[in-house]
Amino acid sequence: MRRSALACWVVLPLLVGLWGVLAWQLDTSLLPSPAAVLNTLQREAASGELQRHLAVTLQRVALSFLLAMAFGTLIGIAMGRLVWLDALLDPLLVLLLNLPALVLIILLYVWFGLVEAAAILAVVINKVPNVAVTLREGARSLDPRLEQMARAYGFSPLMRLRHVWLPQLFPYLMAATRGGLALIWKIVLVVELLGRSDGVGFQLHLAFQVFDVAGLLAYSLAFIAIVQLIELGLLQPLERRATRWRRTGVEHA
């Protein structure tokens, strides 16, 4: 049995069952039952609030993710290929990697106000260093023999990127993508909690103020489900398709 199937059909139902038993035994509003959370989820969906706030948060996640991946990939590859640029930017990367996300979010809100641009910029700046570090290592590991072959056959820059660089960089891109998605949606929720008037993070803040644990769990589980669907429906199939040549090579070895 595959580990993913084991998690879906054995572990998760056991956790839900344990949750239900604990909620029944404790009988407190601080730990609502799965049925109560489901009722809250249905009520929010029926009113349209769940879809609206999910859509707003997903838009922020998508925009921040695309910007962070684009800038981080360019910076990381450049640092991996240019020694002088790596020496110049490495201290800045170390600084940003060790700067708490909460501090950066607060600073940008103070400097630019509680505006959408400050929220997106805070998420992007928090993620770019992680992407850059990952892609820098990928750029450093590029096979020089393949570079020589590309030059010998007169590859254009576009052909070199497509046929020489991308296949070698793909594992690093996927690592940055999957890690980036996991980090960005968490930072987006903090950004929304601190300074936005819509989104899942804002709803979590409202629920916290009135100790609405059912609301907290309903919105959290809904958003986690969306992120998992992206992982299972988009990222994992993309990774399998792009690494198909490796499995084929192993089978014919």
C-alpha atoms as a PDB file:
ATOM      1  CA  MET A   1       0.000   0.000   0.000  1.00  0.00           C
ATOM      2  CA  ARG A   2       1.351   3.409  -0.921  1.00  0.00           C
ATOM      3  CA  ARG A   3       2.061   5.803   1.918  1.00  0.00           C
ATOM      4  CA  SER A   4      -0.338   8.422   0.507  1.00  0.00           C
ATOM      5  CA  ALA A   5      -3.142   5.858   0.375  1.00  0.00           C
ATOM      6  CA  LEU A   6      -2.343   4.793   3.932  1.00  0.00           C
ATOM      7  CA  ALA A   7      -2.614   8.406   5.111  1.00  0.00           C
ATOM      8  CA  CYS A   8      -5.908   8.985   3.274  1.00  0.00           C
ATOM      9  CA  TRP A   9      -7.740   5.805   4.179  1.00  0.00           C
ATOM     10  CA  VAL A  10      -6.306   4.854   7.570  1.00  0.00           C
ATOM     11  CA  VAL A  11      -4.513   7.654   9.412  1.00  0.00           C
ATOM     12  CA  LEU A  12      -6.869  10.550   8.613  1.00  0.00           C
ATOM     13  CA  PRO A  13     -10.087   8.665   9.543  1.00  0.00           C
ATOM     14  CA  LEU A  14      -8.424   7.578  12.785  1.00  0.00           C
ATOM     15  CA  LEU A  15      -7.527  11.179  13.604  1.00  0.00           C
ATOM     16  CA  VAL A  16     -11.078  12.355  12.871  1.00  0.00           C
ATOM     17  CA  GLY A  17     -12.457   9.561  15.019  1.00  0.00           C
ATOM     18  CA  LEU A  18     -10.133  10.470  17.890  1.00  0.00           C
ATOM     19  CA  TRP A  19     -11.117  14.118  17.505  1.00  0.00           C
ATOM     20  CA  GLY A  20     -14.806  13.185  17.715  1.00  0.00           C
ATOM     21  CA  VAL A  21     -14.306  11.053  20.835  1.00  0.00           C
ATOM     22  CA  LEU A  22     -12.329  13.783  22.603  1.00  0.00           C
ATOM     23  CA  ALA A  23     -14.929  16.420  21.697  1.00  0.00           C
ATOM     24  CA  TRP A  24     -17.718  14.188  23.024  1.00  0.00           C
ATOM     25  CA  GLN A  25     -15.854  13.448  26.263  1.00  0.00           C
ATOM     26  CA  LEU A  26     -14.795  17.028  26.992  1.00  0.00           C
ATOM     27  CA  ASP A  27     -18.077  18.601  25.835  1.00  0.00           C
ATOM     28  CA  THR A  28     -16.662  22.125  25.534  1.00  0.00           C
ATOM     29  CA  SER A  29     -16.932  24.859  22.930  1.00  0.00           C
ATOM     30  CA  LEU A  30     -13.141  25.044  22.899  1.00  0.00           C
ATOM     31  CA  LEU A  31     -13.057  21.684  21.091  1.00  0.00           C
ATOM     32  CA  PRO A  32     -16.082  21.428  18.774  1.00  0.00           C
ATOM     33  CA  SER A  33     -16.933  18.097  17.221  1.00  0.00           C
ATOM     34  CA  PRO A  34     -16.227  17.344  13.548  1.00  0.00           C
ATOM     35  CA  ALA A  35     -19.960  17.637  12.903  1.00  0.00           C
ATOM     36  CA  ALA A  36     -20.055  21.150  14.415  1.00  0.00           C
ATOM     37  CA  VAL A  37     -17.102  22.233  12.273  1.00  0.00           C
ATOM     38  CA  LEU A  38     -18.783  20.750   9.198  1.00  0.00           C
ATOM     39  CA  ASN A  39     -21.988  22.652   9.997  1.00  0.00           C
ATOM     40  CA  THR A  40     -19.998  25.893  10.281  1.00  0.00           C
ATOM     41  CA  LEU A  41     -18.294  25.142   6.986  1.00  0.00           C
ATOM     42  CA  GLN A  42     -21.636  24.534   5.282  1.00  0.00           C
ATOM     43  CA  ARG A  43     -23.117  27.719   6.739  1.00  0.00           C
ATOM     44  CA  GLU A  44     -20.196  29.854   5.563  1.00  0.00           C
ATOM     45  CA  ALA A  45     -20.299  28.236   2.117  1.00  0.00           C
ATOM     46  CA  ALA A  46     -24.057  28.797   1.825  1.00  0.00           C
ATOM     47  CA  SER A  47     -23.625  32.491   2.616  1.00  0.00           C
ATOM     48  CA  GLY A  48     -20.831  32.818   0.046  1.00  0.00           C
ATOM     49  CA  GLU A  49     -18.360  34.153   2.620  1.00  0.00           C
ATOM     50  CA  LEU A  50     -16.166  31.051   2.508  1.00  0.00           C
ATOM     51  CA  GLN A  51     -15.710  31.194  -1.273  1.00  0.00           C
ATOM     52  CA  ARG A  52     -15.071  34.948  -1.233  1.00  0.00           C
ATOM     53  CA  HIS A  53     -12.376  34.860   1.427  1.00  0.00           C
ATOM     54  CA  LEU A  54     -10.763  31.743  -0.012  1.00  0.00           C
ATOM     55  CA  ALA A  55     -10.584  33.392  -3.435  1.00  0.00           C
ATOM     56  CA  VAL A  56      -8.967  36.537  -2.010  1.00  0.00           C
ATOM     57  CA  THR A  57      -6.339  34.542  -0.120  1.00  0.00           C
ATOM     58  CA  LEU A  58      -5.600  32.296  -3.096  1.00  0.00           C
ATOM     59  CA  GLN A  59      -5.090  35.377  -5.284  1.00  0.00           C
ATOM     60  CA  ARG A  60      -2.542  36.721  -2.817  1.00  0.00           C
ATOM     61  CA  VAL A  61      -0.832  33.341  -2.584  1.00  0.00           C
ATOM     62  CA  ALA A  62      -0.659  32.980  -6.381  1.00  0.00           C
ATOM     63  CA  LEU A  63       0.694  36.488  -6.993  1.00  0.00           C
ATOM     64  CA  SER A  64       3.241  36.282  -4.179  1.00  0.00           C
ATOM     65  CA  PHE A  65       4.307  32.806  -5.260  1.00  0.00           C
ATOM     66  CA  LEU A  66       4.854  33.763  -8.902  1.00  0.00           C
ATOM     67  CA  LEU A  67       6.822  36.899  -8.011  1.00  0.00           C
ATOM     68  CA  ALA A  68       8.954  35.133  -5.406  1.00  0.00           C
ATOM     69  CA  MET A  69       9.728  32.214  -7.727  1.00  0.00           C
ATOM     70  CA  ALA A  70      10.602  34.508 -10.639  1.00  0.00           C
ATOM     71  CA  PHE A  71      12.909  36.842  -8.695  1.00  0.00           C
ATOM     72  CA  GLY A  72      14.364  34.062  -6.548  1.00  0.00           C
ATOM     73  CA  THR A  73      15.142  31.868  -9.568  1.00  0.00           C
ATOM     74  CA  LEU A  74      16.866  34.680 -11.459  1.00  0.00           C
ATOM     75  CA  ILE A  75      18.886  35.767  -8.435  1.00  0.00           C
ATOM     76  CA  GLY A  76      19.808  32.210  -7.462  1.00  0.00           C
ATOM     77  CA  ILE A  77      20.985  31.191 -10.939  1.00  0.00           C
ATOM     78  CA  ALA A  78      22.977  34.412 -11.317  1.00  0.00           C
ATOM     79  CA  MET A  79      24.632  33.881  -7.929  1.00  0.00           C
ATOM     80  CA  GLY A  80      25.442  30.286  -8.788  1.00  0.00           C
ATOM     81  CA  ARG A  81      27.095  31.246 -12.080  1.00  0.00           C
ATOM     82  CA  LEU A  82      28.824  34.505 -11.068  1.00  0.00           C
ATOM     83  CA  VAL A  83      31.262  34.267  -8.167  1.00  0.00           C
ATOM     84  CA  TRP A  84      31.487  38.029  -7.642  1.00  0.00           C
ATOM     85  CA  LEU A  85      27.699  38.392  -7.455  1.00  0.00           C
ATOM     86  CA  ASP A  86      27.488  35.512  -4.980  1.00  0.00           C
ATOM     87  CA  ALA A  87      30.067  37.197  -2.739  1.00  0.00           C
ATOM     88  CA  LEU A  88      28.173  40.486  -2.998  1.00  0.00           C
ATOM     89  CA  LEU A  89      24.666  39.195  -2.262  1.00  0.00           C
ATOM     90  CA  ASP A  90      25.361  36.304   0.112  1.00  0.00           C
ATOM     91  CA  PRO A  91      25.431  38.494   3.287  1.00  0.00           C
ATOM     92  CA  LEU A  92      22.079  40.001   2.293  1.00  0.00           C
ATOM     93  CA  LEU A  93      20.581  36.536   1.792  1.00  0.00           C
ATOM     94  CA  VAL A  94      21.827  35.414   5.195  1.00  0.00           C
ATOM     95  CA  LEU A  95      20.309  38.527   6.775  1.00  0.00           C
ATOM     96  CA  LEU A  96      16.914  38.015   5.135  1.00  0.00           C
ATOM     97  CA  LEU A  97      16.888  34.292   5.920  1.00  0.00           C
ATOM     98  CA  ASN A  98      17.361  35.058   9.625  1.00  0.00           C
ATOM     99  CA  LEU A  99      14.958  38.004   9.755  1.00  0.00           C
ATOM    100  CA  PRO A 100      11.651  36.875  11.328  1.00  0.00           C
ATOM    101  CA  ALA A 101       8.749  37.120   8.894  1.00  0.00           C
ATOM    102  CA  LEU A 102       6.605  38.880  11.499  1.00  0.00           C
ATOM    103  CA  VAL A 103       9.174  41.677  11.903  1.00  0.00           C
ATOM    104  CA  LEU A 104       9.332  42.286   8.162  1.00  0.00           C
ATOM    105  CA  ILE A 105       5.539  42.315   7.834  1.00  0.00           C
ATOM    106  CA  ILE A 106       5.176  44.880  10.636  1.00  0.00           C
ATOM    107  CA  LEU A 107       7.947  47.074   9.220  1.00  0.00           C
ATOM    108  CA  LEU A 108       6.406  47.172   5.751  1.00  0.00           C
ATOM    109  CA  TYR A 109       2.968  47.968   7.161  1.00  0.00           C
ATOM    110  CA  VAL A 110       4.502  50.795   9.210  1.00  0.00           C
ATOM    111  CA  TRP A 111       6.484  52.173   6.259  1.00  0.00           C
ATOM    112  CA  PHE A 112       3.868  51.816   3.497  1.00  0.00           C
ATOM    113  CA  GLY A 113       0.594  51.565   5.391  1.00  0.00           C
ATOM    114  CA  LEU A 114      -2.018  48.816   5.493  1.00  0.00           C
ATOM    115  CA  VAL A 115      -2.177  48.495   1.701  1.00  0.00           C
ATOM    116  CA  GLU A 116      -2.226  45.495  -0.608  1.00  0.00           C
ATOM    117  CA  ALA A 117       1.186  46.277  -2.097  1.00  0.00           C
ATOM    118  CA  ALA A 118       2.828  46.148   1.346  1.00  0.00           C
ATOM    119  CA  ALA A 119       1.157  42.802   2.059  1.00  0.00           C
ATOM    120  CA  ILE A 120       2.347  41.227  -1.200  1.00  0.00           C
ATOM    121  CA  LEU A 121       5.836  42.715  -0.858  1.00  0.00           C
ATOM    122  CA  ALA A 122       6.190  41.291   2.653  1.00  0.00           C
ATOM    123  CA  VAL A 123       5.389  37.789   1.442  1.00  0.00           C
ATOM    124  CA  VAL A 124       7.690  38.037  -1.589  1.00  0.00           C
ATOM    125  CA  ILE A 125      10.670  39.331   0.380  1.00  0.00           C
ATOM    126  CA  ASN A 126      10.213  36.548   2.929  1.00  0.00           C
ATOM    127  CA  LYS A 127      10.288  33.841   0.238  1.00  0.00           C
ATOM    128  CA  VAL A 128      12.829  35.107  -2.332  1.00  0.00           C
ATOM    129  CA  PRO A 129      15.907  34.212  -0.222  1.00  0.00           C
ATOM    130  CA  ASN A 130      14.780  30.580   0.147  1.00  0.00           C
ATOM    131  CA  VAL A 131      14.253  30.217  -3.587  1.00  0.00           C
ATOM    132  CA  ALA A 132      17.546  31.954  -4.377  1.00  0.00           C
ATOM    133  CA  VAL A 133      19.548  29.694  -2.052  1.00  0.00           C
ATOM    134  CA  THR A 134      17.998  26.549  -3.548  1.00  0.00           C
ATOM    135  CA  LEU A 135      18.533  27.615  -7.163  1.00  0.00           C
ATOM    136  CA  ARG A 136      22.064  28.816  -6.405  1.00  0.00           C
ATOM    137  CA  GLU A 137      22.987  25.281  -5.426  1.00  0.00           C
ATOM    138  CA  GLY A 138      21.364  23.989  -8.587  1.00  0.00           C
ATOM    139  CA  ALA A 139      23.295  26.430 -10.753  1.00  0.00           C
ATOM    140  CA  ARG A 140      26.541  25.428  -9.063  1.00  0.00           C
ATOM    141  CA  SER A 141      25.876  21.762  -9.855  1.00  0.00           C
ATOM    142  CA  LEU A 142      25.376  22.246 -13.608  1.00  0.00           C
ATOM    143  CA  ASP A 143      27.519  19.747 -15.519  1.00  0.00           C
ATOM    144  CA  PRO A 144      30.328  21.617 -17.359  1.00  0.00           C
ATOM    145  CA  ARG A 145      30.595  18.772 -19.883  1.00  0.00           C
ATOM    146  CA  LEU A 146      27.052  19.442 -21.049  1.00  0.00           C
ATOM    147  CA  GLU A 147      27.949  23.117 -21.380  1.00  0.00           C
ATOM    148  CA  GLN A 148      30.881  22.201 -23.606  1.00  0.00           C
ATOM    149  CA  MET A 149      28.647  19.960 -25.702  1.00  0.00           C
ATOM    150  CA  ALA A 150      26.106  22.780 -26.120  1.00  0.00           C
ATOM    151  CA  ARG A 151      28.819  25.146 -27.299  1.00  0.00           C
ATOM    152  CA  ALA A 152      30.233  22.532 -29.667  1.00  0.00           C
ATOM    153  CA  TYR A 153      26.839  22.007 -31.307  1.00  0.00           C
ATOM    154  CA  GLY A 154      26.156  25.731 -31.466  1.00  0.00           C
ATOM    155  CA  PHE A 155      23.138  25.790 -29.154  1.00  0.00           C
ATOM    156  CA  SER A 156      21.400  29.148 -28.943  1.00  0.00           C
ATOM    157  CA  PRO A 157      20.823  30.601 -25.440  1.00  0.00           C
ATOM    158  CA  LEU A 158      17.191  29.478 -25.598  1.00  0.00           C
ATOM    159  CA  MET A 159      18.149  25.933 -26.615  1.00  0.00           C
ATOM    160  CA  ARG A 160      20.782  25.810 -23.898  1.00  0.00           C
ATOM    161  CA  LEU A 161      18.201  26.903 -21.327  1.00  0.00           C
ATOM    162  CA  ARG A 162      15.619  24.371 -22.489  1.00  0.00           C
ATOM    163  CA  HIS A 163      17.785  21.322 -23.171  1.00  0.00           C
ATOM    164  CA  VAL A 164      20.769  21.755 -20.865  1.00  0.00           C
ATOM    165  CA  TRP A 165      19.892  23.925 -17.878  1.00  0.00           C
ATOM    166  CA  LEU A 166      16.229  23.214 -17.141  1.00  0.00           C
ATOM    167  CA  PRO A 167      16.530  19.391 -16.960  1.00  0.00           C
ATOM    168  CA  GLN A 168      19.365  19.760 -14.452  1.00  0.00           C
ATOM    169  CA  LEU A 169      17.685  22.549 -12.484  1.00  0.00           C
ATOM    170  CA  PHE A 170      14.250  20.919 -12.368  1.00  0.00           C
ATOM    171  CA  PRO A 171      14.736  19.054  -9.038  1.00  0.00           C
ATOM    172  CA  TYR A 172      15.828  22.326  -7.440  1.00  0.00           C
ATOM    173  CA  LEU A 173      12.891  24.185  -9.001  1.00  0.00           C
ATOM    174  CA  MET A 174      10.462  21.594  -7.654  1.00  0.00           C
ATOM    175  CA  ALA A 175      12.033  21.746  -4.193  1.00  0.00           C
ATOM    176  CA  ALA A 176      11.703  25.537  -4.201  1.00  0.00           C
ATOM    177  CA  THR A 177       8.144  25.309  -5.570  1.00  0.00           C
ATOM    178  CA  ARG A 178       6.805  22.830  -3.047  1.00  0.00           C
ATOM    179  CA  GLY A 179       8.624  24.407  -0.125  1.00  0.00           C
ATOM    180  CA  GLY A 180       7.617  27.852  -1.337  1.00  0.00           C
ATOM    181  CA  LEU A 181       3.927  27.023  -1.511  1.00  0.00           C
ATOM    182  CA  ALA A 182       4.003  25.585   2.009  1.00  0.00           C
ATOM    183  CA  LEU A 183       5.718  28.702   3.368  1.00  0.00           C
ATOM    184  CA  ILE A 184       3.897  31.380   1.384  1.00  0.00           C
ATOM    185  CA  TRP A 185       0.349  30.447   2.327  1.00  0.00           C
ATOM    186  CA  LYS A 186       1.303  30.537   6.010  1.00  0.00           C
ATOM    187  CA  ILE A 187       2.879  33.992   5.655  1.00  0.00           C
ATOM    188  CA  VAL A 188      -0.132  35.230   3.681  1.00  0.00           C
ATOM    189  CA  LEU A 189      -2.425  34.241   6.550  1.00  0.00           C
ATOM    190  CA  VAL A 190      -0.263  36.236   8.989  1.00  0.00           C
ATOM    191  CA  VAL A 191      -0.266  39.224   6.617  1.00  0.00           C
ATOM    192  CA  GLU A 192      -4.064  39.084   6.393  1.00  0.00           C
ATOM    193  CA  LEU A 193      -4.452  38.658  10.147  1.00  0.00           C
ATOM    194  CA  LEU A 194      -2.344  41.745  10.869  1.00  0.00           C
ATOM    195  CA  GLY A 195      -3.428  44.202   8.224  1.00  0.00           C
ATOM    196  CA  ARG A 196      -6.088  43.165   5.719  1.00  0.00           C
ATOM    197  CA  SER A 197      -9.880  43.345   5.854  1.00  0.00           C
ATOM    198  CA  ASP A 198     -10.564  40.191   3.863  1.00  0.00           C
ATOM    199  CA  GLY A 199      -9.136  36.738   3.293  1.00  0.00           C
ATOM    200  CA  VAL A 200      -8.859  33.581   5.386  1.00  0.00           C
ATOM    201  CA  GLY A 201      -6.379  35.182   7.794  1.00  0.00           C
ATOM    202  CA  PHE A 202      -8.825  38.026   8.487  1.00  0.00           C
ATOM    203  CA  GLN A 203     -11.600  35.526   9.191  1.00  0.00           C
ATOM    204  CA  LEU A 204      -9.328  33.610  11.562  1.00  0.00           C
ATOM    205  CA  HIS A 205      -8.663  36.875  13.392  1.00  0.00           C
ATOM    206  CA  LEU A 206     -12.410  37.549  13.764  1.00  0.00           C
ATOM    207  CA  ALA A 207     -13.021  34.006  15.001  1.00  0.00           C
ATOM    208  CA  PHE A 208     -10.186  34.306  17.522  1.00  0.00           C
ATOM    209  CA  GLN A 209     -11.646  37.508  18.982  1.00  0.00           C
ATOM    210  CA  VAL A 210     -14.866  35.707  19.948  1.00  0.00           C
ATOM    211  CA  PHE A 211     -13.251  32.301  20.673  1.00  0.00           C
ATOM    212  CA  ASP A 212     -15.122  30.732  17.757  1.00  0.00           C
ATOM    213  CA  VAL A 213     -13.045  27.561  17.516  1.00  0.00           C
ATOM    214  CA  ALA A 214     -15.479  25.979  15.044  1.00  0.00           C
ATOM    215  CA  GLY A 215     -14.962  28.940  12.720  1.00  0.00           C
ATOM    216  CA  LEU A 216     -11.192  28.765  13.158  1.00  0.00           C
ATOM    217  CA  LEU A 217     -11.132  25.093  12.255  1.00  0.00           C
ATOM    218  CA  ALA A 218     -13.622  25.440   9.402  1.00  0.00           C
ATOM    219  CA  TYR A 219     -11.651  28.108   7.547  1.00  0.00           C
ATOM    220  CA  SER A 220      -8.311  26.452   8.334  1.00  0.00           C
ATOM    221  CA  LEU A 221      -9.399  23.037   7.083  1.00  0.00           C
ATOM    222  CA  ALA A 222     -10.983  24.509   3.954  1.00  0.00           C
ATOM    223  CA  PHE A 223      -7.786  26.309   3.024  1.00  0.00           C
ATOM    224  CA  ILE A 224      -5.600  23.297   3.834  1.00  0.00           C
ATOM    225  CA  ALA A 225      -7.819  21.207   1.556  1.00  0.00           C
ATOM    226  CA  ILE A 226      -7.322  23.672  -1.312  1.00  0.00           C
ATOM    227  CA  VAL A 227      -3.535  23.651  -0.856  1.00  0.00           C
ATOM    228  CA  GLN A 228      -3.519  19.847  -0.787  1.00  0.00           C
ATOM    229  CA  LEU A 229      -5.536  19.728  -4.009  1.00  0.00           C
ATOM    230  CA  ILE A 230      -2.939  21.989  -5.658  1.00  0.00           C
ATOM    231  CA  GLU A 231      -0.176  19.691  -4.429  1.00  0.00           C
ATOM    232  CA  LEU A 232      -1.875  16.459  -5.521  1.00  0.00           C
ATOM    233  CA  GLY A 233      -3.503  17.737  -8.704  1.00  0.00           C
ATOM    234  CA  LEU A 234      -0.777  20.000 -10.088  1.00  0.00           C
ATOM    235  CA  LEU A 235       2.655  19.764  -8.478  1.00  0.00           C
ATOM    236  CA  GLN A 236       2.974  15.997  -8.085  1.00  0.00           C
ATOM    237  CA  PRO A 237       1.774  15.184 -11.663  1.00  0.00           C
ATOM    238  CA  LEU A 238       4.137  17.862 -13.005  1.00  0.00           C
ATOM    239  CA  GLU A 239       7.037  16.351 -11.102  1.00  0.00           C
ATOM    240  CA  ARG A 240       6.217  12.827 -12.297  1.00  0.00           C
ATOM    241  CA  ARG A 241       5.972  13.965 -15.902  1.00  0.00           C
ATOM    242  CA  ALA A 242       9.212  15.928 -15.817  1.00  0.00           C
ATOM    243  CA  THR A 243      11.168  13.092 -14.167  1.00  0.00           C
ATOM    244  CA  ARG A 244       9.700  10.384 -16.381  1.00  0.00           C
ATOM    245  CA  TRP A 245      12.987  10.114 -18.287  1.00  0.00           C
ATOM    246  CA  ARG A 246      14.759   9.096 -15.082  1.00  0.00           C
ATOM    247  CA  ARG A 247      12.366   6.225 -14.398  1.00  0.00           C
ATOM    248  CA  THR A 248      12.632   5.110 -18.020  1.00  0.00           C
ATOM    249  CA  GLY A 249      16.415   5.105 -17.772  1.00  0.00           C
ATOM    250  CA  VAL A 250      16.311   3.022 -14.602  1.00  0.00           C
ATOM    251  CA  GLU A 251      13.946   0.495 -16.169  1.00  0.00           C
ATOM    252  CA  HIS A 252      16.237   0.054 -19.192  1.00  0.00           C
ATOM    253  CA  ALA A 253      19.421  -0.062 -17.141  1.00  0.00           C
END
